[in-house]
N, C-alpha and C. Protein backbone atom coordinates (compact mmCIF):
# COMPACT_ATOMS: atom_id res chain seq x y z
N MET A 1 56.98 128.18 168.09
CA MET A 1 58.41 128.40 168.25
C MET A 1 59.16 127.42 167.36
N LYS A 2 60.32 127.94 166.79
CA LYS A 2 61.15 127.08 165.96
C LYS A 2 62.00 126.20 166.85
N PRO A 3 62.18 124.97 166.43
CA PRO A 3 63.00 124.08 167.25
C PRO A 3 64.44 124.55 167.24
N ASP A 4 65.08 124.36 168.39
CA ASP A 4 66.49 124.75 168.50
C ASP A 4 67.35 123.80 167.69
N ASN A 5 68.47 124.40 167.09
CA ASN A 5 69.45 123.55 166.40
C ASN A 5 70.14 122.66 167.40
N LYS A 6 70.43 121.48 166.93
CA LYS A 6 71.17 120.58 167.82
C LYS A 6 72.54 121.15 168.10
N GLN A 7 73.03 120.80 169.25
CA GLN A 7 74.32 121.33 169.67
C GLN A 7 75.41 120.86 168.72
N GLY A 8 76.24 121.78 168.25
CA GLY A 8 77.37 121.46 167.35
C GLY A 8 77.00 121.34 165.90
N GLN A 9 75.71 121.48 165.58
CA GLN A 9 75.28 121.37 164.18
C GLN A 9 75.21 122.74 163.56
N GLN A 10 75.92 122.93 162.41
CA GLN A 10 75.96 124.21 161.72
C GLN A 10 74.77 124.35 160.81
N PRO A 11 74.28 125.57 160.72
CA PRO A 11 73.14 125.78 159.82
C PRO A 11 73.56 125.59 158.37
N THR A 12 72.68 125.05 157.57
CA THR A 12 72.97 124.83 156.15
C THR A 12 72.95 126.14 155.39
N VAL A 13 73.90 126.26 154.44
CA VAL A 13 74.00 127.48 153.63
C VAL A 13 73.61 127.13 152.21
N PRO A 14 72.73 127.85 151.61
CA PRO A 14 72.31 127.52 150.23
C PRO A 14 73.48 127.69 149.26
N THR A 15 73.65 126.72 148.36
CA THR A 15 74.75 126.76 147.38
C THR A 15 74.32 127.51 146.14
N GLN A 16 75.32 128.17 145.49
CA GLN A 16 75.06 128.90 144.27
C GLN A 16 75.76 128.21 143.11
N GLU A 17 75.08 128.01 142.02
CA GLU A 17 75.67 127.39 140.84
C GLU A 17 76.51 128.41 140.07
N THR A 18 77.76 128.01 139.73
CA THR A 18 78.65 128.90 138.97
C THR A 18 78.61 128.53 137.50
N GLU A 19 78.66 129.54 136.64
CA GLU A 19 78.65 129.30 135.20
C GLU A 19 79.99 128.75 134.74
N ALA A 20 79.98 127.76 133.87
CA ALA A 20 81.22 127.18 133.35
C ALA A 20 81.93 128.18 132.44
N LYS A 21 83.26 128.24 132.57
CA LYS A 21 84.03 129.16 131.73
C LYS A 21 84.04 128.66 130.30
N PRO A 22 83.97 129.56 129.33
CA PRO A 22 84.00 129.12 127.92
C PRO A 22 85.34 128.48 127.59
N GLN A 23 85.32 127.40 126.83
CA GLN A 23 86.54 126.69 126.45
C GLN A 23 87.14 127.32 125.20
N ILE A 24 88.42 127.67 125.31
CA ILE A 24 89.13 128.28 124.19
C ILE A 24 89.91 127.20 123.47
N ILE A 25 89.62 127.02 122.20
CA ILE A 25 90.28 125.98 121.41
C ILE A 25 91.33 126.64 120.53
N SER A 26 92.57 126.21 120.66
CA SER A 26 93.65 126.78 119.87
C SER A 26 93.60 126.25 118.45
N PRO A 27 94.16 127.00 117.49
CA PRO A 27 94.18 126.51 116.10
C PRO A 27 94.91 125.19 115.96
N SER A 28 96.02 125.02 116.72
CA SER A 28 96.77 123.77 116.62
C SER A 28 95.94 122.59 117.08
N PHE A 29 95.13 122.80 118.16
CA PHE A 29 94.27 121.72 118.64
C PHE A 29 93.20 121.39 117.60
N SER A 30 92.68 122.44 116.95
CA SER A 30 91.66 122.23 115.92
C SER A 30 92.21 121.42 114.76
N VAL A 31 93.46 121.74 114.35
CA VAL A 31 94.07 121.01 113.25
C VAL A 31 94.29 119.56 113.62
N MET A 32 94.82 119.32 114.84
CA MET A 32 95.09 117.95 115.27
C MET A 32 93.79 117.18 115.47
N ASN A 33 92.74 117.87 115.96
CA ASN A 33 91.47 117.21 116.20
C ASN A 33 90.86 116.71 114.89
N GLN A 34 91.14 117.43 113.79
CA GLN A 34 90.63 117.03 112.49
C GLN A 34 91.59 116.10 111.76
N LYS A 35 92.61 115.65 112.47
CA LYS A 35 93.58 114.69 111.93
C LYS A 35 94.25 115.24 110.68
N MET A 36 94.61 116.51 110.71
CA MET A 36 95.32 117.14 109.60
C MET A 36 96.80 117.20 109.94
N ASN A 37 97.64 117.12 108.93
CA ASN A 37 99.07 117.25 109.15
C ASN A 37 99.58 118.52 108.49
N LEU A 38 100.87 118.76 108.62
CA LEU A 38 101.45 120.00 108.10
C LEU A 38 101.28 120.11 106.60
N LEU A 39 101.40 119.01 105.88
CA LEU A 39 101.26 119.05 104.43
C LEU A 39 99.86 119.49 104.02
N ASP A 40 98.86 119.09 104.79
CA ASP A 40 97.49 119.52 104.48
C ASP A 40 97.33 121.02 104.62
N VAL A 41 98.09 121.60 105.55
CA VAL A 41 97.95 123.03 105.83
C VAL A 41 98.64 123.88 104.76
N ILE A 42 99.86 123.45 104.35
CA ILE A 42 100.67 124.29 103.45
C ILE A 42 100.53 123.91 101.99
N SER A 43 99.87 122.81 101.68
CA SER A 43 99.75 122.38 100.29
C SER A 43 98.92 123.38 99.49
N PRO A 44 99.29 123.61 98.21
CA PRO A 44 98.50 124.52 97.36
C PRO A 44 97.15 123.91 97.03
N GLN A 45 96.24 124.77 96.62
CA GLN A 45 94.90 124.30 96.27
C GLN A 45 94.90 123.51 94.97
N SER A 46 95.76 123.90 94.04
CA SER A 46 95.80 123.21 92.75
C SER A 46 97.20 123.29 92.16
N VAL A 47 97.58 122.23 91.43
CA VAL A 47 98.86 122.18 90.72
C VAL A 47 98.59 121.63 89.32
N GLU A 48 99.01 122.39 88.31
CA GLU A 48 98.85 121.97 86.92
C GLU A 48 100.22 121.88 86.27
N VAL A 49 100.55 120.71 85.75
CA VAL A 49 101.86 120.49 85.14
C VAL A 49 101.70 120.40 83.64
N ASP A 50 102.31 121.34 82.92
CA ASP A 50 102.32 121.34 81.47
C ASP A 50 103.73 121.02 81.01
N PHE A 51 103.90 120.72 79.72
CA PHE A 51 105.23 120.36 79.25
C PHE A 51 106.20 121.54 79.29
N ASP A 52 105.67 122.80 79.28
CA ASP A 52 106.56 123.96 79.24
C ASP A 52 106.31 124.95 80.38
N TYR A 53 105.46 124.62 81.31
CA TYR A 53 105.27 125.49 82.48
C TYR A 53 104.60 124.70 83.59
N LEU A 54 104.62 125.29 84.77
CA LEU A 54 103.99 124.70 85.95
C LEU A 54 103.09 125.77 86.56
N LYS A 55 101.84 125.42 86.84
CA LYS A 55 100.90 126.36 87.44
C LYS A 55 100.54 125.90 88.85
N ILE A 56 100.85 126.74 89.84
CA ILE A 56 100.52 126.45 91.23
C ILE A 56 99.55 127.53 91.70
N ASN A 57 98.34 127.11 92.05
CA ASN A 57 97.26 128.04 92.34
C ASN A 57 97.05 128.96 91.13
N ASP A 58 97.33 130.25 91.26
CA ASP A 58 97.14 131.18 90.15
C ASP A 58 98.45 131.71 89.57
N VAL A 59 99.57 131.10 89.93
CA VAL A 59 100.89 131.58 89.50
C VAL A 59 101.50 130.57 88.54
N TYR A 60 102.09 131.09 87.44
CA TYR A 60 102.74 130.26 86.44
C TYR A 60 104.25 130.29 86.67
N PHE A 61 104.90 129.13 86.46
CA PHE A 61 106.35 129.03 86.63
C PHE A 61 106.95 128.32 85.42
N ARG A 62 108.14 128.79 85.02
CA ARG A 62 108.90 128.12 83.96
C ARG A 62 110.37 128.08 84.36
N THR A 63 110.98 126.93 84.22
CA THR A 63 112.40 126.78 84.57
C THR A 63 113.23 126.64 83.30
N ILE A 64 114.31 127.39 83.24
CA ILE A 64 115.29 127.25 82.16
C ILE A 64 116.63 126.88 82.78
N PHE A 65 117.44 126.16 82.01
CA PHE A 65 118.78 125.79 82.48
C PHE A 65 119.82 126.27 81.48
N VAL A 66 121.01 126.47 81.96
CA VAL A 66 122.11 126.94 81.12
C VAL A 66 122.91 125.72 80.68
N GLY A 67 123.06 125.58 79.36
CA GLY A 67 123.77 124.43 78.83
C GLY A 67 125.06 124.77 78.11
N GLY A 68 125.33 126.05 77.87
CA GLY A 68 126.55 126.43 77.18
C GLY A 68 127.07 127.77 77.64
N TYR A 69 128.39 127.88 77.75
CA TYR A 69 129.03 129.09 78.25
C TYR A 69 130.08 129.57 77.24
N PRO A 70 130.38 130.86 77.25
CA PRO A 70 131.45 131.37 76.38
C PRO A 70 132.81 130.92 76.88
N ARG A 71 133.81 131.09 76.06
CA ARG A 71 135.16 130.66 76.44
C ARG A 71 135.69 131.50 77.58
N PHE A 72 135.44 132.80 77.55
CA PHE A 72 135.92 133.70 78.60
C PHE A 72 134.75 134.51 79.13
N VAL A 73 134.74 134.71 80.45
CA VAL A 73 133.74 135.57 81.09
C VAL A 73 134.45 136.44 82.12
N ALA A 74 133.87 137.61 82.37
CA ALA A 74 134.44 138.52 83.37
C ALA A 74 133.78 138.26 84.72
N PRO A 75 134.45 138.60 85.81
CA PRO A 75 133.82 138.46 87.14
C PRO A 75 132.52 139.25 87.21
N GLY A 76 131.49 138.65 87.80
CA GLY A 76 130.20 139.32 87.91
C GLY A 76 129.41 139.34 86.62
N TRP A 77 129.71 138.42 85.70
CA TRP A 77 129.02 138.44 84.41
C TRP A 77 127.53 138.18 84.54
N LEU A 78 127.10 137.58 85.66
CA LEU A 78 125.69 137.27 85.84
C LEU A 78 124.88 138.46 86.35
N GLU A 79 125.54 139.54 86.69
CA GLU A 79 124.85 140.70 87.27
C GLU A 79 123.74 141.23 86.37
N PRO A 80 123.91 141.37 85.04
CA PRO A 80 122.81 141.88 84.22
C PRO A 80 121.56 141.00 84.26
N VAL A 81 121.75 139.71 84.48
CA VAL A 81 120.61 138.79 84.51
C VAL A 81 119.83 138.96 85.81
N VAL A 82 120.53 138.95 86.93
CA VAL A 82 119.84 139.04 88.22
C VAL A 82 119.28 140.44 88.48
N ASN A 83 119.75 141.42 87.75
CA ASN A 83 119.24 142.79 87.92
C ASN A 83 118.06 143.10 87.01
N ILE A 84 117.56 142.10 86.29
CA ILE A 84 116.34 142.30 85.50
C ILE A 84 115.20 142.67 86.44
N ASP A 85 114.37 143.61 86.00
CA ASP A 85 113.32 144.15 86.86
C ASP A 85 112.14 143.19 86.98
N THR A 86 112.40 142.03 87.53
CA THR A 86 111.36 141.04 87.81
C THR A 86 111.90 140.03 88.80
N SER A 87 111.02 139.26 89.38
CA SER A 87 111.43 138.27 90.37
C SER A 87 111.90 137.00 89.68
N LEU A 88 113.08 136.52 90.06
CA LEU A 88 113.64 135.29 89.51
C LEU A 88 114.14 134.41 90.66
N ASP A 89 113.96 133.11 90.51
CA ASP A 89 114.53 132.14 91.45
C ASP A 89 115.72 131.49 90.77
N ILE A 90 116.93 131.77 91.28
CA ILE A 90 118.16 131.29 90.66
C ILE A 90 118.87 130.34 91.62
N SER A 91 119.30 129.21 91.08
CA SER A 91 120.00 128.22 91.90
C SER A 91 121.28 127.78 91.22
N PHE A 92 122.35 127.69 92.01
CA PHE A 92 123.62 127.12 91.58
C PHE A 92 123.82 125.80 92.33
N TYR A 93 124.28 124.79 91.62
CA TYR A 93 124.68 123.53 92.26
C TYR A 93 126.14 123.27 91.88
N ILE A 94 126.97 123.12 92.89
CA ILE A 94 128.41 122.96 92.68
C ILE A 94 128.84 121.65 93.31
N TYR A 95 129.32 120.73 92.47
CA TYR A 95 129.74 119.41 92.94
C TYR A 95 131.25 119.24 92.73
N PRO A 96 132.02 119.04 93.79
CA PRO A 96 133.46 118.79 93.62
C PRO A 96 133.69 117.48 92.85
N VAL A 97 134.70 117.48 92.01
CA VAL A 97 135.04 116.32 91.20
C VAL A 97 136.43 115.85 91.58
N ASP A 98 136.62 114.54 91.60
CA ASP A 98 137.93 113.97 91.92
C ASP A 98 138.97 114.42 90.91
N GLY A 99 140.09 114.97 91.41
CA GLY A 99 141.11 115.53 90.54
C GLY A 99 141.77 114.51 89.64
N LYS A 100 141.97 113.29 90.13
CA LYS A 100 142.65 112.27 89.33
C LYS A 100 141.83 111.90 88.10
N SER A 101 140.52 111.73 88.26
CA SER A 101 139.68 111.38 87.12
C SER A 101 139.66 112.50 86.09
N VAL A 102 139.69 113.75 86.56
CA VAL A 102 139.72 114.89 85.64
C VAL A 102 141.02 114.90 84.85
N LEU A 103 142.13 114.68 85.52
CA LEU A 103 143.43 114.65 84.83
C LEU A 103 143.49 113.54 83.80
N ASP A 104 142.93 112.38 84.14
CA ASP A 104 142.91 111.27 83.18
C ASP A 104 142.10 111.64 81.94
N ASP A 105 140.95 112.27 82.15
CA ASP A 105 140.13 112.70 81.00
C ASP A 105 140.85 113.76 80.18
N LEU A 106 141.51 114.69 80.85
CA LEU A 106 142.24 115.74 80.12
C LEU A 106 143.36 115.16 79.27
N ARG A 107 144.10 114.22 79.83
CA ARG A 107 145.19 113.60 79.06
C ARG A 107 144.64 112.91 77.82
N ARG A 108 143.53 112.22 77.97
CA ARG A 108 142.94 111.51 76.83
C ARG A 108 142.46 112.50 75.76
N LYS A 109 141.80 113.58 76.19
CA LYS A 109 141.31 114.57 75.23
C LYS A 109 142.45 115.33 74.56
N ILE A 110 143.49 115.62 75.33
CA ILE A 110 144.66 116.30 74.75
C ILE A 110 145.29 115.41 73.69
N ALA A 111 145.41 114.11 73.98
CA ALA A 111 145.99 113.18 73.00
C ALA A 111 145.12 113.11 71.75
N GLU A 112 143.80 113.11 71.91
CA GLU A 112 142.90 113.06 70.75
C GLU A 112 143.03 114.31 69.89
N MET A 113 143.08 115.48 70.53
CA MET A 113 143.19 116.73 69.77
C MET A 113 144.54 116.84 69.08
N GLU A 114 145.61 116.42 69.75
CA GLU A 114 146.94 116.45 69.12
C GLU A 114 146.97 115.51 67.92
N ALA A 115 146.34 114.34 68.04
CA ALA A 115 146.31 113.40 66.92
C ALA A 115 145.50 113.98 65.75
N GLU A 116 144.40 114.65 66.05
CA GLU A 116 143.59 115.26 65.00
C GLU A 116 144.36 116.36 64.27
N MET A 117 145.07 117.20 65.02
CA MET A 117 145.85 118.27 64.39
C MET A 117 147.01 117.70 63.57
N THR A 118 147.65 116.65 64.07
CA THR A 118 148.75 116.03 63.33
C THR A 118 148.26 115.44 62.02
N THR A 119 147.09 114.80 62.05
CA THR A 119 146.52 114.22 60.84
C THR A 119 146.19 115.30 59.81
N ASP A 120 145.65 116.42 60.27
CA ASP A 120 145.33 117.52 59.34
C ASP A 120 146.60 118.07 58.69
N ILE A 121 147.66 118.19 59.47
CA ILE A 121 148.92 118.72 58.92
C ILE A 121 149.50 117.75 57.90
N GLU A 122 149.45 116.44 58.20
CA GLU A 122 149.99 115.44 57.27
C GLU A 122 149.21 115.40 55.96
N ARG A 123 147.93 115.70 56.03
CA ARG A 123 147.10 115.70 54.82
C ARG A 123 147.10 117.04 54.12
N GLY A 124 147.87 117.98 54.63
CA GLY A 124 147.96 119.28 54.00
C GLY A 124 146.78 120.18 54.27
N LYS A 125 145.99 119.86 55.29
CA LYS A 125 144.83 120.67 55.64
C LYS A 125 145.22 121.74 56.65
N ILE A 126 144.41 122.78 56.68
CA ILE A 126 144.61 123.84 57.68
C ILE A 126 144.07 123.36 59.02
N VAL A 127 144.85 123.56 60.05
CA VAL A 127 144.44 123.13 61.39
C VAL A 127 143.21 123.92 61.82
N ASP A 128 142.23 123.20 62.35
CA ASP A 128 141.00 123.84 62.83
C ASP A 128 141.34 124.77 63.99
N PRO A 129 141.06 126.08 63.86
CA PRO A 129 141.41 127.01 64.95
C PRO A 129 140.67 126.71 66.25
N PHE A 130 139.45 126.17 66.15
CA PHE A 130 138.70 125.83 67.37
C PHE A 130 139.37 124.68 68.11
N THR A 131 139.84 123.70 67.35
CA THR A 131 140.55 122.58 67.98
C THR A 131 141.84 123.05 68.63
N GLN A 132 142.54 123.95 67.96
CA GLN A 132 143.78 124.48 68.52
C GLN A 132 143.52 125.27 69.80
N ALA A 133 142.45 126.06 69.81
CA ALA A 133 142.11 126.83 71.02
C ALA A 133 141.73 125.90 72.17
N LYS A 134 140.96 124.85 71.86
CA LYS A 134 140.59 123.89 72.91
C LYS A 134 141.82 123.17 73.45
N LEU A 135 142.76 122.85 72.58
CA LEU A 135 143.98 122.19 73.02
C LEU A 135 144.78 123.07 73.96
N GLU A 136 144.91 124.34 73.62
CA GLU A 136 145.65 125.27 74.48
C GLU A 136 144.98 125.42 75.85
N ASP A 137 143.64 125.50 75.85
CA ASP A 137 142.92 125.60 77.12
C ASP A 137 143.10 124.35 77.96
N ALA A 138 143.02 123.19 77.32
CA ALA A 138 143.15 121.93 78.05
C ALA A 138 144.55 121.77 78.63
N GLN A 139 145.56 122.17 77.87
CA GLN A 139 146.94 122.07 78.37
C GLN A 139 147.17 123.02 79.54
N ALA A 140 146.62 124.23 79.45
CA ALA A 140 146.76 125.20 80.55
C ALA A 140 146.04 124.70 81.80
N LEU A 141 144.85 124.15 81.63
CA LEU A 141 144.10 123.63 82.77
C LEU A 141 144.80 122.43 83.38
N GLN A 142 145.37 121.59 82.56
CA GLN A 142 146.10 120.43 83.07
C GLN A 142 147.27 120.87 83.94
N GLU A 143 147.98 121.88 83.51
CA GLU A 143 149.12 122.38 84.29
C GLU A 143 148.66 122.96 85.63
N GLN A 144 147.56 123.69 85.62
CA GLN A 144 147.06 124.29 86.86
C GLN A 144 146.54 123.24 87.83
N LEU A 145 145.91 122.19 87.31
CA LEU A 145 145.43 121.12 88.17
C LEU A 145 146.58 120.34 88.80
N VAL A 146 147.61 120.10 88.02
CA VAL A 146 148.77 119.36 88.54
C VAL A 146 149.45 120.16 89.65
N LYS A 147 149.52 121.47 89.49
CA LYS A 147 150.17 122.33 90.49
C LYS A 147 149.26 122.63 91.68
N GLY A 148 148.00 122.24 91.61
CA GLY A 148 147.08 122.50 92.71
C GLY A 148 146.52 123.91 92.72
N ILE A 149 146.73 124.65 91.65
CA ILE A 149 146.21 126.02 91.57
C ILE A 149 144.69 126.01 91.39
N GLU A 150 144.21 125.07 90.61
CA GLU A 150 142.78 124.97 90.33
C GLU A 150 142.23 123.63 90.81
N ARG A 151 140.92 123.62 91.07
CA ARG A 151 140.19 122.39 91.31
C ARG A 151 139.05 122.31 90.29
N PHE A 152 138.48 121.13 90.17
CA PHE A 152 137.46 120.93 89.16
C PHE A 152 136.11 120.66 89.82
N TYR A 153 135.05 121.18 89.16
CA TYR A 153 133.69 121.04 89.69
C TYR A 153 132.72 120.76 88.55
N GLU A 154 131.58 120.18 88.92
CA GLU A 154 130.42 120.14 88.03
C GLU A 154 129.46 121.22 88.49
N PHE A 155 129.02 122.06 87.56
CA PHE A 155 128.26 123.26 87.90
C PHE A 155 126.90 123.23 87.22
N GLY A 156 125.83 123.32 88.02
CA GLY A 156 124.47 123.39 87.48
C GLY A 156 123.87 124.76 87.73
N PHE A 157 123.22 125.34 86.73
CA PHE A 157 122.70 126.70 86.81
C PHE A 157 121.27 126.70 86.28
N TYR A 158 120.30 127.00 87.17
CA TYR A 158 118.89 126.96 86.81
C TYR A 158 118.20 128.26 87.20
N ILE A 159 117.22 128.66 86.40
CA ILE A 159 116.43 129.87 86.67
C ILE A 159 114.95 129.52 86.53
N THR A 160 114.17 129.81 87.56
CA THR A 160 112.72 129.64 87.50
C THR A 160 112.06 131.02 87.47
N ILE A 161 111.17 131.21 86.49
CA ILE A 161 110.52 132.50 86.27
C ILE A 161 109.06 132.40 86.70
N PRO A 162 108.63 133.22 87.67
CA PRO A 162 107.21 133.25 88.05
C PRO A 162 106.47 134.35 87.29
N ALA A 163 105.18 134.14 87.03
CA ALA A 163 104.37 135.15 86.34
C ALA A 163 102.90 134.93 86.68
N ASN A 164 102.10 135.96 86.39
CA ASN A 164 100.68 135.90 86.71
C ASN A 164 99.82 135.41 85.55
N SER A 165 100.42 135.25 84.37
CA SER A 165 99.66 134.79 83.21
C SER A 165 100.63 134.16 82.21
N PRO A 166 100.14 133.34 81.28
CA PRO A 166 101.02 132.77 80.26
C PRO A 166 101.69 133.84 79.40
N GLU A 167 100.97 134.92 79.10
CA GLU A 167 101.54 135.99 78.28
C GLU A 167 102.70 136.66 79.01
N GLU A 168 102.50 136.95 80.29
CA GLU A 168 103.57 137.56 81.07
C GLU A 168 104.75 136.61 81.22
N LEU A 169 104.46 135.32 81.36
CA LEU A 169 105.53 134.32 81.48
C LEU A 169 106.38 134.28 80.22
N ASN A 170 105.75 134.30 79.05
CA ASN A 170 106.50 134.30 77.79
C ASN A 170 107.31 135.57 77.63
N GLN A 171 106.75 136.69 78.04
CA GLN A 171 107.45 137.97 77.91
C GLN A 171 108.71 138.00 78.78
N ILE A 172 108.58 137.58 80.03
CA ILE A 172 109.74 137.59 80.93
C ILE A 172 110.77 136.56 80.48
N THR A 173 110.30 135.41 79.99
CA THR A 173 111.23 134.38 79.51
C THR A 173 112.07 134.91 78.36
N LYS A 174 111.44 135.61 77.40
CA LYS A 174 112.19 136.18 76.29
C LYS A 174 113.21 137.21 76.77
N GLN A 175 112.83 137.98 77.78
CA GLN A 175 113.74 138.99 78.33
C GLN A 175 114.96 138.33 78.96
N VAL A 176 114.74 137.27 79.73
CA VAL A 176 115.85 136.57 80.38
C VAL A 176 116.73 135.89 79.34
N GLU A 177 116.13 135.22 78.37
CA GLU A 177 116.90 134.52 77.34
C GLU A 177 117.68 135.51 76.48
N SER A 178 117.10 136.67 76.21
CA SER A 178 117.81 137.69 75.45
C SER A 178 119.03 138.20 76.20
N GLN A 179 118.88 138.39 77.51
CA GLN A 179 120.01 138.86 78.31
C GLN A 179 121.10 137.80 78.38
N LEU A 180 120.72 136.54 78.53
CA LEU A 180 121.70 135.46 78.54
C LEU A 180 122.38 135.34 77.17
N GLY A 181 121.60 135.48 76.09
CA GLY A 181 122.18 135.39 74.76
C GLY A 181 123.18 136.48 74.48
N SER A 182 122.96 137.68 75.03
CA SER A 182 123.92 138.77 74.84
C SER A 182 125.26 138.47 75.51
N LEU A 183 125.24 137.54 76.47
CA LEU A 183 126.47 137.12 77.15
C LEU A 183 127.06 135.86 76.54
N MET A 184 126.52 135.43 75.38
CA MET A 184 126.96 134.21 74.69
C MET A 184 126.70 132.97 75.53
N ILE A 185 125.61 132.99 76.28
CA ILE A 185 125.23 131.86 77.13
C ILE A 185 124.02 131.17 76.50
N VAL A 186 124.10 129.86 76.36
CA VAL A 186 123.03 129.08 75.75
C VAL A 186 122.09 128.58 76.86
N SER A 187 120.81 128.95 76.76
CA SER A 187 119.82 128.51 77.75
C SER A 187 118.71 127.74 77.04
N LYS A 188 118.11 126.81 77.76
CA LYS A 188 117.03 125.99 77.21
C LYS A 188 115.95 125.79 78.26
N HIS A 189 114.73 125.55 77.79
CA HIS A 189 113.63 125.26 78.70
C HIS A 189 113.76 123.82 79.21
N ALA A 190 113.38 123.61 80.44
CA ALA A 190 113.37 122.26 81.01
C ALA A 190 112.09 121.55 80.57
N ILE A 191 112.00 121.29 79.28
CA ILE A 191 110.79 120.69 78.70
C ILE A 191 110.50 119.34 79.36
N LEU A 192 109.25 119.14 79.74
CA LEU A 192 108.77 117.90 80.38
C LEU A 192 109.40 117.65 81.75
N ASP A 193 110.17 118.62 82.24
CA ASP A 193 110.80 118.48 83.56
C ASP A 193 110.52 119.71 84.42
N MET A 194 109.36 120.34 84.23
CA MET A 194 109.07 121.57 84.97
C MET A 194 108.93 121.33 86.47
N SER A 195 108.40 120.19 86.86
CA SER A 195 108.29 119.89 88.30
C SER A 195 109.67 119.76 88.92
N GLU A 196 110.56 119.04 88.21
CA GLU A 196 111.93 118.88 88.70
C GLU A 196 112.66 120.22 88.72
N GLY A 197 112.40 121.06 87.70
CA GLY A 197 113.03 122.37 87.66
C GLY A 197 112.56 123.27 88.79
N PHE A 198 111.27 123.23 89.09
CA PHE A 198 110.74 124.03 90.21
C PHE A 198 111.38 123.58 91.52
N THR A 199 111.51 122.27 91.71
CA THR A 199 112.14 121.75 92.93
C THR A 199 113.60 122.16 93.01
N ALA A 200 114.29 122.17 91.86
CA ALA A 200 115.72 122.50 91.86
C ALA A 200 115.98 123.94 92.27
N THR A 201 115.02 124.85 92.01
CA THR A 201 115.21 126.25 92.37
C THR A 201 114.48 126.63 93.66
N ALA A 202 113.79 125.68 94.27
CA ALA A 202 113.19 125.91 95.58
C ALA A 202 114.27 125.73 96.66
N PRO A 203 114.05 126.27 97.86
CA PRO A 203 115.10 126.20 98.90
C PRO A 203 115.18 124.84 99.57
N PHE A 204 115.33 123.79 98.75
CA PHE A 204 115.44 122.44 99.27
C PHE A 204 116.85 121.86 99.10
N GLY A 205 117.61 122.41 98.14
CA GLY A 205 118.93 121.86 97.85
C GLY A 205 118.86 120.52 97.15
N ILE A 206 117.80 120.29 96.37
CA ILE A 206 117.61 119.02 95.66
C ILE A 206 117.69 119.28 94.16
N ASP A 207 118.70 118.72 93.51
CA ASP A 207 118.89 118.91 92.07
C ASP A 207 118.40 117.67 91.33
N ARG A 208 117.14 117.70 90.93
CA ARG A 208 116.59 116.57 90.19
C ARG A 208 116.77 116.72 88.68
N LEU A 209 117.18 117.89 88.23
CA LEU A 209 117.50 118.05 86.81
C LEU A 209 118.86 117.45 86.49
N ASN A 210 119.83 117.75 87.33
CA ASN A 210 121.19 117.20 87.19
C ASN A 210 121.77 117.48 85.80
N ILE A 211 121.67 118.74 85.37
CA ILE A 211 122.26 119.18 84.11
C ILE A 211 123.45 120.07 84.46
N THR A 212 124.64 119.54 84.32
CA THR A 212 125.84 120.23 84.81
C THR A 212 126.85 120.42 83.69
N ARG A 213 127.81 121.29 83.99
CA ARG A 213 128.92 121.58 83.08
C ARG A 213 130.20 121.62 83.90
N ASN A 214 131.27 121.06 83.35
CA ASN A 214 132.55 121.07 84.06
C ASN A 214 133.13 122.48 84.12
N MET A 215 133.60 122.87 85.30
CA MET A 215 134.21 124.19 85.49
C MET A 215 135.35 124.09 86.50
N ASP A 216 136.33 124.97 86.33
CA ASP A 216 137.40 125.05 87.32
C ASP A 216 137.05 126.10 88.37
N THR A 217 137.94 126.25 89.35
CA THR A 217 137.66 127.15 90.48
C THR A 217 137.44 128.58 90.02
N THR A 218 138.29 129.08 89.15
CA THR A 218 138.20 130.46 88.69
C THR A 218 136.88 130.72 87.97
N SER A 219 136.47 129.78 87.12
CA SER A 219 135.22 129.95 86.37
C SER A 219 134.02 129.96 87.30
N VAL A 220 134.01 129.07 88.30
CA VAL A 220 132.90 129.03 89.25
C VAL A 220 132.83 130.33 90.04
N ALA A 221 133.99 130.87 90.42
CA ALA A 221 134.02 132.09 91.23
C ALA A 221 133.41 133.28 90.49
N THR A 222 133.49 133.30 89.17
CA THR A 222 132.95 134.43 88.41
C THR A 222 131.43 134.44 88.37
N THR A 223 130.79 133.35 88.78
CA THR A 223 129.33 133.28 88.69
C THR A 223 128.64 133.95 89.87
N PHE A 224 129.38 134.38 90.88
CA PHE A 224 128.75 134.96 92.06
C PHE A 224 128.63 136.47 91.88
N PRO A 225 127.41 136.98 91.63
CA PRO A 225 127.21 138.42 91.37
C PRO A 225 126.92 139.17 92.66
N LEU A 226 127.89 139.24 93.54
CA LEU A 226 127.66 139.86 94.85
C LEU A 226 127.90 141.36 94.79
N THR A 227 127.18 142.04 93.88
CA THR A 227 127.39 143.48 93.72
C THR A 227 126.10 144.26 93.84
N SER A 228 125.03 143.61 94.29
CA SER A 228 123.74 144.29 94.39
C SER A 228 123.17 144.09 95.78
N THR A 229 122.31 145.03 96.19
CA THR A 229 121.66 144.93 97.50
C THR A 229 120.25 144.37 97.37
N GLU A 230 119.88 143.90 96.18
CA GLU A 230 118.51 143.45 95.94
C GLU A 230 118.36 141.94 96.04
N TYR A 231 119.43 141.21 96.39
CA TYR A 231 119.37 139.76 96.41
C TYR A 231 118.79 139.27 97.72
N HIS A 232 118.10 138.13 97.64
CA HIS A 232 117.56 137.47 98.82
C HIS A 232 118.03 136.03 98.78
N PHE A 233 118.91 135.65 99.72
CA PHE A 233 119.48 134.30 99.71
C PHE A 233 118.74 133.41 100.69
């Protein structure tokens, strides 16, 4: 006979071992566990800096800047450039300038041009038509600034061209420069400054090229080509 259980003592129940649940490791935990930061994740595999282009991974980039503008432009004059059938990164940098310093510079330049024209007349020479045109523009701008009709700015205009090969990069560059030239706009490559040019046209708002041209309010307003549905701001 089996011995009786003691009074109040419960019979033992055999325990069952449960399998441990698999541990799910998130990607963020994996990155942190390997002591990686955000820059390690988003950094390109390779960067090659040449004097006339920048290569990031397998893509070539070239930055050009605008250094000269025609005397007169129509509103939306930039539309033919941005409507070129290729991808372009275009950046404008607009810096307000103190009105008093601009007026002081205008007065000095007006005095210099008037003195030059007076000297030519006294010597019996024909007045340089370019100097006369510049004088008229400066006097008109001076009047508008004094009346508060216009304000003055420093304007930087940069274009970065991406391509899949050096040949394609040269082809697109010629196309862009040809279109700018047809508008009487002088453009140049950012030689030896391709890294700074790429940064200037990236969505950082950092202008390390700092190549600007003085413009008034009306001139700056004409640079906005808001007539297409293909733009990405």
